[in-house]
Amino acid sequence: MSDSNNTALQRFSYCPLCGTELSRSEGSGGAYCPVHDHSWYRSSSLTVGCVLIRDGRALVTVRGIEPEKGSYDVPGGFLEAGEHPVDGLRREAREELGVEIEGVKGPVQMAVHRYGEDGDYVLALGFTARIAGGEPAAADDAAGIEWISPEKLEGLDFAWEHDRELVRAALDHEGNNQKDHGNAGGGG
């Protein structure tokens, strides 16, 4: 597979913006410019994102890298070449949060967006899951994490609107499940 990645990226030996020699990103198939802190892809791959819910709140991350540095996001990222989306989601949860996840459902959302103002179009797959082990803490390209309530959701500056919609749907679903279980009666 690495031969095809090298061939696919031959035209990306130098940054198209500044001419800096690009380094190869391991696994993702991208080529990285350290001057612009940007990875270039000849053919953008899929991205995966996940909403994790605990006690009626959703975990969101604060982006530590461009594009949209400082904006809110869901845990996730680009798939590596040949990687199954659920495996990529589990890898991203370990890298960005230091947790293991289980009960992955989805994709529950698919959205097309631009990765950065002048970036390539990307297909984002949205999932839901539960934390199976570990306590989440920001790492890798996540600068911070926050557990948010449905009331706080609309006031946050999300990098991509589809992530807000994914979080909203997951919180709504969780709220409906709580009501259903509360109305079922019986203790059990």
N, C-alpha and C. Protein backbone atom coordinates (compact mmCIF):
# COMPACT_ATOMS: atom_id res chain seq x y z
N MET A 1 0.82 -1.20 0.00
CA MET A 1 0.00 0.00 0.00
C MET A 1 0.86 1.26 0.00
N SER A 2 2.04 1.21 0.59
CA SER A 2 2.85 2.42 0.65
C SER A 2 3.31 2.88 -0.72
N ASP A 3 3.50 1.94 -1.68
CA ASP A 3 3.87 2.35 -3.04
C ASP A 3 2.78 3.20 -3.67
N SER A 4 1.51 2.78 -3.50
CA SER A 4 0.42 3.57 -4.08
C SER A 4 0.30 4.92 -3.39
N ASN A 5 0.56 4.98 -2.07
CA ASN A 5 0.51 6.27 -1.38
C ASN A 5 1.61 7.19 -1.89
N ASN A 6 2.81 6.65 -2.09
CA ASN A 6 3.90 7.48 -2.60
C ASN A 6 3.58 8.00 -3.99
N THR A 7 3.03 7.15 -4.86
CA THR A 7 2.66 7.58 -6.20
C THR A 7 1.56 8.64 -6.16
N ALA A 8 0.57 8.43 -5.30
CA ALA A 8 -0.55 9.36 -5.22
C ALA A 8 -0.11 10.74 -4.74
N LEU A 9 0.99 10.80 -3.98
CA LEU A 9 1.42 12.08 -3.41
C LEU A 9 2.60 12.70 -4.14
N GLN A 10 3.02 12.13 -5.27
CA GLN A 10 4.19 12.67 -5.94
C GLN A 10 4.05 14.15 -6.24
N ARG A 11 2.87 14.59 -6.59
CA ARG A 11 2.73 16.02 -6.91
C ARG A 11 2.74 16.89 -5.66
N PHE A 12 2.75 16.27 -4.47
CA PHE A 12 2.79 17.02 -3.23
C PHE A 12 4.13 16.83 -2.53
N SER A 13 5.21 17.16 -3.19
CA SER A 13 6.54 17.11 -2.59
C SER A 13 6.86 18.43 -1.91
N TYR A 14 6.24 19.52 -2.38
CA TYR A 14 6.48 20.85 -1.84
C TYR A 14 5.14 21.53 -1.58
N CYS A 15 5.10 22.34 -0.55
CA CYS A 15 3.87 23.05 -0.18
C CYS A 15 3.44 23.96 -1.32
N PRO A 16 2.18 23.86 -1.77
CA PRO A 16 1.70 24.72 -2.84
C PRO A 16 1.62 26.20 -2.44
N LEU A 17 1.66 26.50 -1.14
CA LEU A 17 1.57 27.89 -0.69
C LEU A 17 2.93 28.56 -0.54
N CYS A 18 3.93 27.80 -0.03
CA CYS A 18 5.21 28.45 0.27
C CYS A 18 6.44 27.75 -0.32
N GLY A 19 6.28 26.54 -0.85
CA GLY A 19 7.40 25.83 -1.45
C GLY A 19 8.25 25.02 -0.49
N THR A 20 7.88 25.01 0.79
CA THR A 20 8.61 24.21 1.77
C THR A 20 8.47 22.73 1.43
N GLU A 21 9.58 21.97 1.58
CA GLU A 21 9.50 20.54 1.34
C GLU A 21 8.57 19.90 2.37
N LEU A 22 7.68 19.05 1.88
CA LEU A 22 6.69 18.41 2.74
C LEU A 22 7.23 17.10 3.29
N SER A 23 6.81 16.77 4.50
CA SER A 23 7.14 15.45 5.07
C SER A 23 5.90 14.57 4.96
N ARG A 24 6.10 13.29 4.88
CA ARG A 24 4.99 12.34 4.76
C ARG A 24 4.38 12.07 6.12
N SER A 25 3.05 12.10 6.20
CA SER A 25 2.35 11.74 7.43
C SER A 25 2.22 10.24 7.47
N GLU A 26 2.56 9.65 8.58
CA GLU A 26 2.46 8.20 8.73
C GLU A 26 1.00 7.77 8.70
N GLY A 27 0.69 6.75 7.91
CA GLY A 27 -0.63 6.15 7.92
C GLY A 27 -1.70 6.89 7.15
N SER A 28 -1.78 8.20 7.30
CA SER A 28 -2.89 8.94 6.72
C SER A 28 -2.75 9.16 5.23
N GLY A 29 -1.54 9.05 4.69
CA GLY A 29 -1.33 9.27 3.28
C GLY A 29 -1.16 10.73 2.92
N GLY A 30 -1.14 11.61 3.91
CA GLY A 30 -0.99 13.04 3.64
C GLY A 30 0.46 13.45 3.60
N ALA A 31 0.70 14.70 3.23
CA ALA A 31 2.02 15.31 3.22
C ALA A 31 1.91 16.60 4.01
N TYR A 32 2.82 16.82 4.97
CA TYR A 32 2.70 17.88 5.97
C TYR A 32 3.64 19.04 5.72
N CYS A 33 3.10 20.27 5.81
CA CYS A 33 3.91 21.49 5.73
C CYS A 33 4.06 22.06 7.15
N PRO A 34 5.29 22.08 7.70
CA PRO A 34 5.48 22.61 9.05
C PRO A 34 5.29 24.13 9.14
N VAL A 35 5.49 24.84 8.05
CA VAL A 35 5.32 26.29 8.04
C VAL A 35 3.85 26.67 8.23
N HIS A 36 2.97 25.97 7.53
CA HIS A 36 1.54 26.27 7.59
C HIS A 36 0.78 25.37 8.55
N ASP A 37 1.46 24.40 9.16
CA ASP A 37 0.81 23.43 10.05
C ASP A 37 -0.41 22.84 9.36
N HIS A 38 -0.18 22.35 8.12
CA HIS A 38 -1.27 21.86 7.28
C HIS A 38 -0.83 20.59 6.56
N SER A 39 -1.75 19.62 6.49
CA SER A 39 -1.49 18.41 5.72
C SER A 39 -2.22 18.50 4.39
N TRP A 40 -1.54 18.14 3.33
CA TRP A 40 -2.10 18.14 1.99
C TRP A 40 -2.41 16.70 1.58
N TYR A 41 -3.57 16.52 0.95
CA TYR A 41 -3.99 15.20 0.50
C TYR A 41 -4.38 15.30 -0.96
N ARG A 42 -3.93 14.37 -1.78
CA ARG A 42 -4.34 14.36 -3.17
C ARG A 42 -5.79 13.92 -3.28
N SER A 43 -6.16 12.97 -2.46
CA SER A 43 -7.53 12.48 -2.41
C SER A 43 -7.91 12.39 -0.94
N SER A 44 -8.75 13.29 -0.49
CA SER A 44 -9.11 13.31 0.93
C SER A 44 -9.76 12.01 1.33
N SER A 45 -9.43 11.58 2.51
CA SER A 45 -10.03 10.36 3.03
C SER A 45 -11.23 10.70 3.90
N LEU A 46 -11.90 9.68 4.34
CA LEU A 46 -13.03 9.84 5.24
C LEU A 46 -12.56 10.32 6.59
N THR A 47 -13.44 11.03 7.28
CA THR A 47 -13.19 11.36 8.67
C THR A 47 -14.27 10.69 9.51
N VAL A 48 -13.95 10.44 10.76
CA VAL A 48 -14.90 9.87 11.70
C VAL A 48 -14.95 10.77 12.92
N GLY A 49 -16.13 10.87 13.51
CA GLY A 49 -16.31 11.63 14.74
C GLY A 49 -17.30 10.90 15.62
N CYS A 50 -17.23 11.16 16.91
CA CYS A 50 -18.05 10.40 17.84
C CYS A 50 -18.58 11.30 18.95
N VAL A 51 -19.84 11.08 19.32
CA VAL A 51 -20.40 11.73 20.49
C VAL A 51 -20.42 10.71 21.62
N LEU A 52 -19.83 11.09 22.73
CA LEU A 52 -19.83 10.29 23.94
C LEU A 52 -20.72 11.00 24.95
N ILE A 53 -21.68 10.28 25.51
CA ILE A 53 -22.65 10.86 26.44
C ILE A 53 -22.42 10.28 27.83
N ARG A 54 -22.47 11.13 28.84
CA ARG A 54 -22.40 10.70 30.24
C ARG A 54 -23.28 11.63 31.07
N ASP A 55 -24.19 11.04 31.81
CA ASP A 55 -25.06 11.81 32.72
C ASP A 55 -25.76 12.97 32.02
N GLY A 56 -26.26 12.72 30.81
CA GLY A 56 -27.01 13.74 30.09
C GLY A 56 -26.16 14.83 29.45
N ARG A 57 -24.86 14.66 29.43
CA ARG A 57 -23.95 15.64 28.83
C ARG A 57 -23.12 14.96 27.75
N ALA A 58 -22.73 15.74 26.75
CA ALA A 58 -21.91 15.24 25.64
C ALA A 58 -20.49 15.76 25.78
N LEU A 59 -19.53 14.92 25.47
CA LEU A 59 -18.13 15.33 25.49
C LEU A 59 -17.78 15.97 24.15
N VAL A 60 -17.26 17.18 24.19
CA VAL A 60 -16.76 17.85 22.99
C VAL A 60 -15.31 18.22 23.24
N THR A 61 -14.58 18.38 22.15
CA THR A 61 -13.17 18.76 22.25
C THR A 61 -12.99 20.18 21.73
N VAL A 62 -11.91 20.80 22.15
CA VAL A 62 -11.49 22.09 21.62
C VAL A 62 -10.32 21.80 20.70
N ARG A 63 -10.42 22.25 19.44
CA ARG A 63 -9.38 21.96 18.46
C ARG A 63 -8.07 22.67 18.83
N GLY A 64 -6.98 21.89 18.82
CA GLY A 64 -5.67 22.44 19.11
C GLY A 64 -4.86 22.74 17.88
N ILE A 65 -5.41 22.43 16.70
CA ILE A 65 -4.69 22.65 15.44
C ILE A 65 -5.61 23.32 14.42
N GLU A 66 -5.03 23.90 13.40
CA GLU A 66 -5.78 24.43 12.27
C GLU A 66 -6.22 23.27 11.40
N PRO A 67 -7.29 23.39 10.66
CA PRO A 67 -8.15 24.56 10.61
C PRO A 67 -9.08 24.65 11.82
N GLU A 68 -9.57 25.85 12.03
CA GLU A 68 -10.56 26.11 13.09
C GLU A 68 -9.99 25.90 14.49
N LYS A 69 -8.71 26.17 14.68
CA LYS A 69 -8.09 26.04 16.00
C LYS A 69 -8.86 26.86 17.03
N GLY A 70 -9.14 26.25 18.18
CA GLY A 70 -9.87 26.93 19.25
C GLY A 70 -11.37 26.72 19.21
N SER A 71 -11.88 26.19 18.11
CA SER A 71 -13.32 25.93 17.98
C SER A 71 -13.64 24.56 18.57
N TYR A 72 -14.91 24.35 18.82
CA TYR A 72 -15.36 23.06 19.35
C TYR A 72 -15.53 22.05 18.23
N ASP A 73 -15.40 20.78 18.60
CA ASP A 73 -15.41 19.68 17.66
C ASP A 73 -15.84 18.44 18.44
N VAL A 74 -16.06 17.34 17.75
CA VAL A 74 -16.26 16.06 18.43
C VAL A 74 -14.97 15.26 18.30
N PRO A 75 -14.70 14.34 19.22
CA PRO A 75 -13.50 13.53 19.09
C PRO A 75 -13.51 12.76 17.78
N GLY A 76 -12.38 12.72 17.09
CA GLY A 76 -12.30 12.00 15.82
C GLY A 76 -11.19 12.53 14.95
N GLY A 77 -11.20 12.11 13.69
CA GLY A 77 -10.18 12.57 12.76
C GLY A 77 -10.19 11.77 11.48
N PHE A 78 -9.15 11.97 10.70
CA PHE A 78 -9.01 11.28 9.41
C PHE A 78 -8.69 9.81 9.63
N LEU A 79 -9.26 8.97 8.78
CA LEU A 79 -8.91 7.56 8.79
C LEU A 79 -7.54 7.38 8.18
N GLU A 80 -6.81 6.40 8.66
CA GLU A 80 -5.55 6.03 8.04
C GLU A 80 -5.85 5.18 6.82
N ALA A 81 -4.92 5.10 5.89
CA ALA A 81 -5.12 4.33 4.67
C ALA A 81 -5.48 2.88 5.02
N GLY A 82 -6.60 2.40 4.47
CA GLY A 82 -7.03 1.03 4.66
C GLY A 82 -7.69 0.74 6.00
N GLU A 83 -7.94 1.75 6.80
CA GLU A 83 -8.49 1.56 8.15
C GLU A 83 -10.02 1.53 8.13
N HIS A 84 -10.62 0.59 8.86
CA HIS A 84 -12.08 0.52 9.00
C HIS A 84 -12.53 1.71 9.86
N PRO A 85 -13.67 2.34 9.54
CA PRO A 85 -14.11 3.51 10.30
C PRO A 85 -14.22 3.28 11.81
N VAL A 86 -14.73 2.15 12.26
CA VAL A 86 -14.85 1.92 13.70
C VAL A 86 -13.48 1.75 14.34
N ASP A 87 -12.55 1.11 13.65
CA ASP A 87 -11.19 1.00 14.18
C ASP A 87 -10.55 2.39 14.27
N GLY A 88 -10.79 3.22 13.27
CA GLY A 88 -10.27 4.59 13.29
C GLY A 88 -10.86 5.40 14.43
N LEU A 89 -12.13 5.20 14.69
CA LEU A 89 -12.80 5.90 15.80
C LEU A 89 -12.18 5.49 17.14
N ARG A 90 -11.96 4.20 17.30
CA ARG A 90 -11.33 3.71 18.54
C ARG A 90 -9.92 4.28 18.69
N ARG A 91 -9.15 4.31 17.59
CA ARG A 91 -7.79 4.87 17.62
C ARG A 91 -7.83 6.35 18.00
N GLU A 92 -8.74 7.10 17.38
CA GLU A 92 -8.84 8.53 17.68
C GLU A 92 -9.24 8.78 19.13
N ALA A 93 -10.13 7.94 19.69
CA ALA A 93 -10.53 8.09 21.09
C ALA A 93 -9.33 7.87 22.02
N ARG A 94 -8.48 6.90 21.68
CA ARG A 94 -7.26 6.67 22.47
C ARG A 94 -6.30 7.84 22.33
N GLU A 95 -6.09 8.31 21.08
CA GLU A 95 -5.12 9.38 20.83
C GLU A 95 -5.56 10.71 21.43
N GLU A 96 -6.82 11.09 21.21
CA GLU A 96 -7.28 12.42 21.63
C GLU A 96 -7.75 12.48 23.08
N LEU A 97 -8.22 11.36 23.62
CA LEU A 97 -8.83 11.38 24.95
C LEU A 97 -8.21 10.42 25.94
N GLY A 98 -7.45 9.43 25.45
CA GLY A 98 -6.88 8.43 26.34
C GLY A 98 -7.90 7.44 26.88
N VAL A 99 -8.98 7.20 26.12
CA VAL A 99 -10.03 6.28 26.57
C VAL A 99 -10.26 5.18 25.55
N GLU A 100 -10.85 4.10 26.04
CA GLU A 100 -11.35 3.03 25.19
C GLU A 100 -12.85 3.22 25.07
N ILE A 101 -13.41 2.93 23.88
CA ILE A 101 -14.85 3.08 23.68
C ILE A 101 -15.48 1.75 23.32
N GLU A 102 -16.80 1.66 23.53
CA GLU A 102 -17.57 0.48 23.20
C GLU A 102 -18.97 0.91 22.78
N GLY A 103 -19.76 -0.04 22.31
CA GLY A 103 -21.14 0.26 21.94
C GLY A 103 -21.26 1.25 20.80
N VAL A 104 -20.33 1.18 19.85
CA VAL A 104 -20.33 2.12 18.73
C VAL A 104 -21.58 1.89 17.89
N LYS A 105 -22.32 2.96 17.63
CA LYS A 105 -23.51 2.90 16.78
C LYS A 105 -23.33 3.86 15.62
N GLY A 106 -23.69 3.35 14.44
CA GLY A 106 -23.63 4.23 13.30
C GLY A 106 -22.89 3.63 12.13
N PRO A 107 -22.66 4.46 11.12
CA PRO A 107 -22.77 5.91 11.24
C PRO A 107 -24.22 6.38 11.37
N VAL A 108 -24.41 7.35 12.24
CA VAL A 108 -25.72 7.95 12.45
C VAL A 108 -25.83 9.27 11.70
N GLN A 109 -24.73 9.72 11.11
CA GLN A 109 -24.71 10.97 10.34
C GLN A 109 -23.62 10.87 9.27
N MET A 110 -23.89 11.44 8.11
CA MET A 110 -22.89 11.61 7.07
C MET A 110 -23.01 13.06 6.59
N ALA A 111 -21.88 13.75 6.54
CA ALA A 111 -21.91 15.16 6.14
C ALA A 111 -20.69 15.47 5.28
N VAL A 112 -20.91 16.26 4.25
CA VAL A 112 -19.82 16.74 3.40
C VAL A 112 -19.48 18.16 3.84
N HIS A 113 -18.20 18.43 4.01
CA HIS A 113 -17.77 19.79 4.37
C HIS A 113 -16.37 20.02 3.84
N ARG A 114 -15.96 21.27 3.89
CA ARG A 114 -14.58 21.64 3.50
C ARG A 114 -13.71 21.60 4.73
N TYR A 115 -12.54 20.99 4.61
CA TYR A 115 -11.60 20.94 5.72
C TYR A 115 -10.74 22.20 5.66
N GLY A 116 -11.23 23.24 6.29
CA GLY A 116 -10.58 24.54 6.25
C GLY A 116 -11.18 25.38 5.14
N GLU A 117 -10.97 26.67 5.22
CA GLU A 117 -11.57 27.62 4.28
C GLU A 117 -11.25 27.29 2.82
N ASP A 118 -10.00 26.93 2.55
CA ASP A 118 -9.59 26.59 1.19
C ASP A 118 -9.27 25.11 1.04
N GLY A 119 -9.73 24.30 1.98
CA GLY A 119 -9.39 22.89 1.99
C GLY A 119 -10.22 22.05 1.04
N ASP A 120 -9.88 20.78 1.01
CA ASP A 120 -10.60 19.82 0.18
C ASP A 120 -11.94 19.46 0.82
N TYR A 121 -12.85 18.94 0.00
CA TYR A 121 -14.09 18.41 0.53
C TYR A 121 -13.81 17.09 1.22
N VAL A 122 -14.50 16.87 2.33
CA VAL A 122 -14.31 15.69 3.16
C VAL A 122 -15.69 15.11 3.46
N LEU A 123 -15.77 13.78 3.52
CA LEU A 123 -17.00 13.11 3.97
C LEU A 123 -16.78 12.70 5.41
N ALA A 124 -17.58 13.29 6.31
CA ALA A 124 -17.48 13.00 7.74
C ALA A 124 -18.56 12.01 8.14
N LEU A 125 -18.15 10.94 8.82
CA LEU A 125 -19.08 9.95 9.34
C LEU A 125 -19.21 10.16 10.85
N GLY A 126 -20.44 10.31 11.33
CA GLY A 126 -20.69 10.54 12.75
C GLY A 126 -21.24 9.30 13.43
N PHE A 127 -20.72 9.01 14.61
CA PHE A 127 -21.10 7.84 15.39
C PHE A 127 -21.45 8.26 16.82
N THR A 128 -22.03 7.33 17.57
CA THR A 128 -22.17 7.48 19.02
C THR A 128 -21.52 6.27 19.66
N ALA A 129 -21.08 6.43 20.90
CA ALA A 129 -20.43 5.33 21.63
C ALA A 129 -20.44 5.66 23.11
N ARG A 130 -19.94 4.70 23.90
CA ARG A 130 -19.79 4.88 25.35
C ARG A 130 -18.32 4.70 25.70
N ILE A 131 -17.91 5.34 26.78
CA ILE A 131 -16.55 5.14 27.29
C ILE A 131 -16.53 3.81 28.03
N ALA A 132 -15.59 2.94 27.64
CA ALA A 132 -15.46 1.62 28.25
C ALA A 132 -14.36 1.60 29.30
N GLY A 133 -13.39 2.47 29.17
CA GLY A 133 -12.29 2.48 30.12
C GLY A 133 -11.48 3.76 30.01
N GLY A 134 -11.03 4.24 31.15
CA GLY A 134 -10.23 5.45 31.19
C GLY A 134 -11.07 6.68 31.50
N GLU A 135 -10.38 7.73 31.89
CA GLU A 135 -11.03 9.01 32.15
C GLU A 135 -10.53 9.98 31.09
N PRO A 136 -11.45 10.58 30.32
CA PRO A 136 -11.01 11.43 29.20
C PRO A 136 -10.19 12.65 29.63
N ALA A 137 -9.13 12.88 28.90
CA ALA A 137 -8.28 14.06 29.06
C ALA A 137 -7.77 14.46 27.68
N ALA A 138 -7.66 15.74 27.44
CA ALA A 138 -7.22 16.24 26.13
C ALA A 138 -5.78 15.81 25.84
N ALA A 139 -5.56 15.32 24.63
CA ALA A 139 -4.23 14.92 24.18
C ALA A 139 -4.19 15.06 22.66
N ASP A 140 -3.05 14.77 22.06
CA ASP A 140 -2.86 14.81 20.61
C ASP A 140 -3.27 16.18 20.08
N ASP A 141 -4.23 16.25 19.13
CA ASP A 141 -4.61 17.55 18.57
C ASP A 141 -5.83 18.16 19.25
N ALA A 142 -6.26 17.61 20.39
CA ALA A 142 -7.34 18.23 21.18
C ALA A 142 -6.69 19.09 22.26
N ALA A 143 -7.01 20.38 22.26
CA ALA A 143 -6.44 21.31 23.25
C ALA A 143 -7.20 21.28 24.56
N GLY A 144 -8.44 20.80 24.53
CA GLY A 144 -9.25 20.74 25.74
C GLY A 144 -10.47 19.89 25.51
N ILE A 145 -11.14 19.54 26.60
CA ILE A 145 -12.41 18.82 26.51
C ILE A 145 -13.41 19.49 27.43
N GLU A 146 -14.67 19.27 27.14
CA GLU A 146 -15.73 19.83 27.97
C GLU A 146 -16.96 18.93 27.86
N TRP A 147 -17.60 18.68 28.99
CA TRP A 147 -18.89 17.97 29.01
C TRP A 147 -19.96 19.04 28.95
N ILE A 148 -20.79 19.01 27.90
CA ILE A 148 -21.78 20.08 27.74
C ILE A 148 -23.21 19.54 27.84
N SER A 149 -24.07 20.40 28.34
CA SER A 149 -25.49 20.09 28.45
C SER A 149 -26.20 20.54 27.18
N PRO A 150 -27.42 20.06 26.94
CA PRO A 150 -28.16 20.53 25.76
C PRO A 150 -28.35 22.06 25.77
N GLU A 151 -28.48 22.64 26.94
CA GLU A 151 -28.69 24.10 27.04
C GLU A 151 -27.47 24.89 26.59
N LYS A 152 -26.29 24.35 26.75
CA LYS A 152 -25.06 25.06 26.39
C LYS A 152 -24.68 24.90 24.92
N LEU A 153 -25.25 23.91 24.25
CA LEU A 153 -24.86 23.53 22.90
C LEU A 153 -24.91 24.69 21.91
N GLU A 154 -26.00 25.43 21.90
CA GLU A 154 -26.18 26.48 20.88
C GLU A 154 -25.21 27.64 21.03
N GLY A 155 -24.68 27.87 22.22
CA GLY A 155 -23.78 29.00 22.43
C GLY A 155 -22.33 28.73 22.08
N LEU A 156 -22.01 27.50 21.70
CA LEU A 156 -20.62 27.15 21.40
C LEU A 156 -20.26 27.39 19.93
N ASP A 157 -19.01 27.76 19.71
CA ASP A 157 -18.49 27.98 18.36
C ASP A 157 -17.92 26.67 17.83
N PHE A 158 -18.74 25.93 17.07
CA PHE A 158 -18.29 24.66 16.51
C PHE A 158 -17.53 24.90 15.21
N ALA A 159 -16.48 24.11 15.00
CA ALA A 159 -15.69 24.21 13.77
C ALA A 159 -16.57 23.91 12.55
N TRP A 160 -17.45 22.91 12.69
CA TRP A 160 -18.34 22.51 11.59
C TRP A 160 -19.74 22.31 12.14
N GLU A 161 -20.70 22.91 11.49
CA GLU A 161 -22.09 22.86 11.96
C GLU A 161 -22.61 21.43 12.06
N HIS A 162 -22.15 20.53 11.19
CA HIS A 162 -22.65 19.16 11.28
C HIS A 162 -22.27 18.50 12.60
N ASP A 163 -21.17 18.93 13.23
CA ASP A 163 -20.82 18.36 14.54
C ASP A 163 -21.81 18.82 15.61
N ARG A 164 -22.24 20.08 15.55
CA ARG A 164 -23.27 20.55 16.49
C ARG A 164 -24.55 19.72 16.30
N GLU A 165 -24.92 19.48 15.03
CA GLU A 165 -26.13 18.69 14.75
C GLU A 165 -25.99 17.26 15.28
N LEU A 166 -24.80 16.67 15.15
CA LEU A 166 -24.56 15.32 15.66
C LEU A 166 -24.71 15.29 17.18
N VAL A 167 -24.11 16.27 17.86
CA VAL A 167 -24.21 16.35 19.32
C VAL A 167 -25.66 16.57 19.74
N ARG A 168 -26.36 17.47 19.05
CA ARG A 168 -27.77 17.74 19.36
C ARG A 168 -28.61 16.46 19.24
N ALA A 169 -28.43 15.73 18.14
CA ALA A 169 -29.21 14.51 17.92
C ALA A 169 -28.90 13.48 19.01
N ALA A 170 -27.62 13.34 19.37
CA ALA A 170 -27.25 12.36 20.40
C ALA A 170 -27.82 12.75 21.76
N LEU A 171 -27.77 14.04 22.11
CA LEU A 171 -28.34 14.49 23.38
C LEU A 171 -29.86 14.33 23.38
N ASP A 172 -30.51 14.65 22.26
CA ASP A 172 -31.97 14.47 22.16
C ASP A 172 -32.33 13.00 22.33
N HIS A 173 -31.59 12.12 21.67
CA HIS A 173 -31.84 10.68 21.77
C HIS A 173 -31.66 10.21 23.21
N GLU A 174 -30.58 10.67 23.86
CA GLU A 174 -30.32 10.30 25.25
C GLU A 174 -31.43 10.81 26.16
N GLY A 175 -31.88 12.04 25.93
CA GLY A 175 -32.97 12.60 26.73
C GLY A 175 -34.26 11.82 26.56
N ASN A 176 -34.56 11.42 25.33
CA ASN A 176 -35.76 10.61 25.07
C ASN A 176 -35.65 9.25 25.73
N ASN A 177 -34.45 8.64 25.71
CA ASN A 177 -34.27 7.35 26.37
C ASN A 177 -34.46 7.48 27.88
N GLN A 178 -33.96 8.56 28.46
CA GLN A 178 -34.13 8.78 29.90
C GLN A 178 -35.61 8.91 30.26
N LYS A 179 -36.37 9.65 29.43
CA LYS A 179 -37.81 9.80 29.66
C LYS A 179 -38.53 8.47 29.53
N ASP A 180 -38.17 7.68 28.49
CA ASP A 180 -38.80 6.37 28.28
C ASP A 180 -38.55 5.46 29.47
N HIS A 181 -37.31 5.45 29.97
CA HIS A 181 -36.99 4.58 31.11
C HIS A 181 -37.67 5.07 32.38
N GLY A 182 -37.79 6.39 32.51
CA GLY A 182 -38.46 6.95 33.67
C GLY A 182 -39.94 6.69 33.67
N ASN A 183 -40.57 6.61 32.50
CA ASN A 183 -42.01 6.39 32.40
C ASN A 183 -42.37 4.90 32.40
N ALA A 184 -41.37 4.04 32.31
CA ALA A 184 -41.67 2.61 32.21
C ALA A 184 -42.21 2.07 33.53
N GLY A 185 -41.90 2.74 34.61
CA GLY A 185 -42.40 2.30 35.91
C GLY A 185 -41.75 1.01 36.36
N GLY A 186 -42.05 0.52 37.49
CA GLY A 186 -41.56 -0.77 37.94
C GLY A 186 -40.17 -0.77 38.47
N GLY A 187 -39.33 -0.55 38.89
CA GLY A 187 -37.98 -0.49 39.36
C GLY A 187 -36.97 -1.27 38.60
N GLY A 188 -37.23 -1.58 37.40
CA GLY A 188 -36.27 -2.22 36.79
C GLY A 188 -35.60 -2.72 35.78
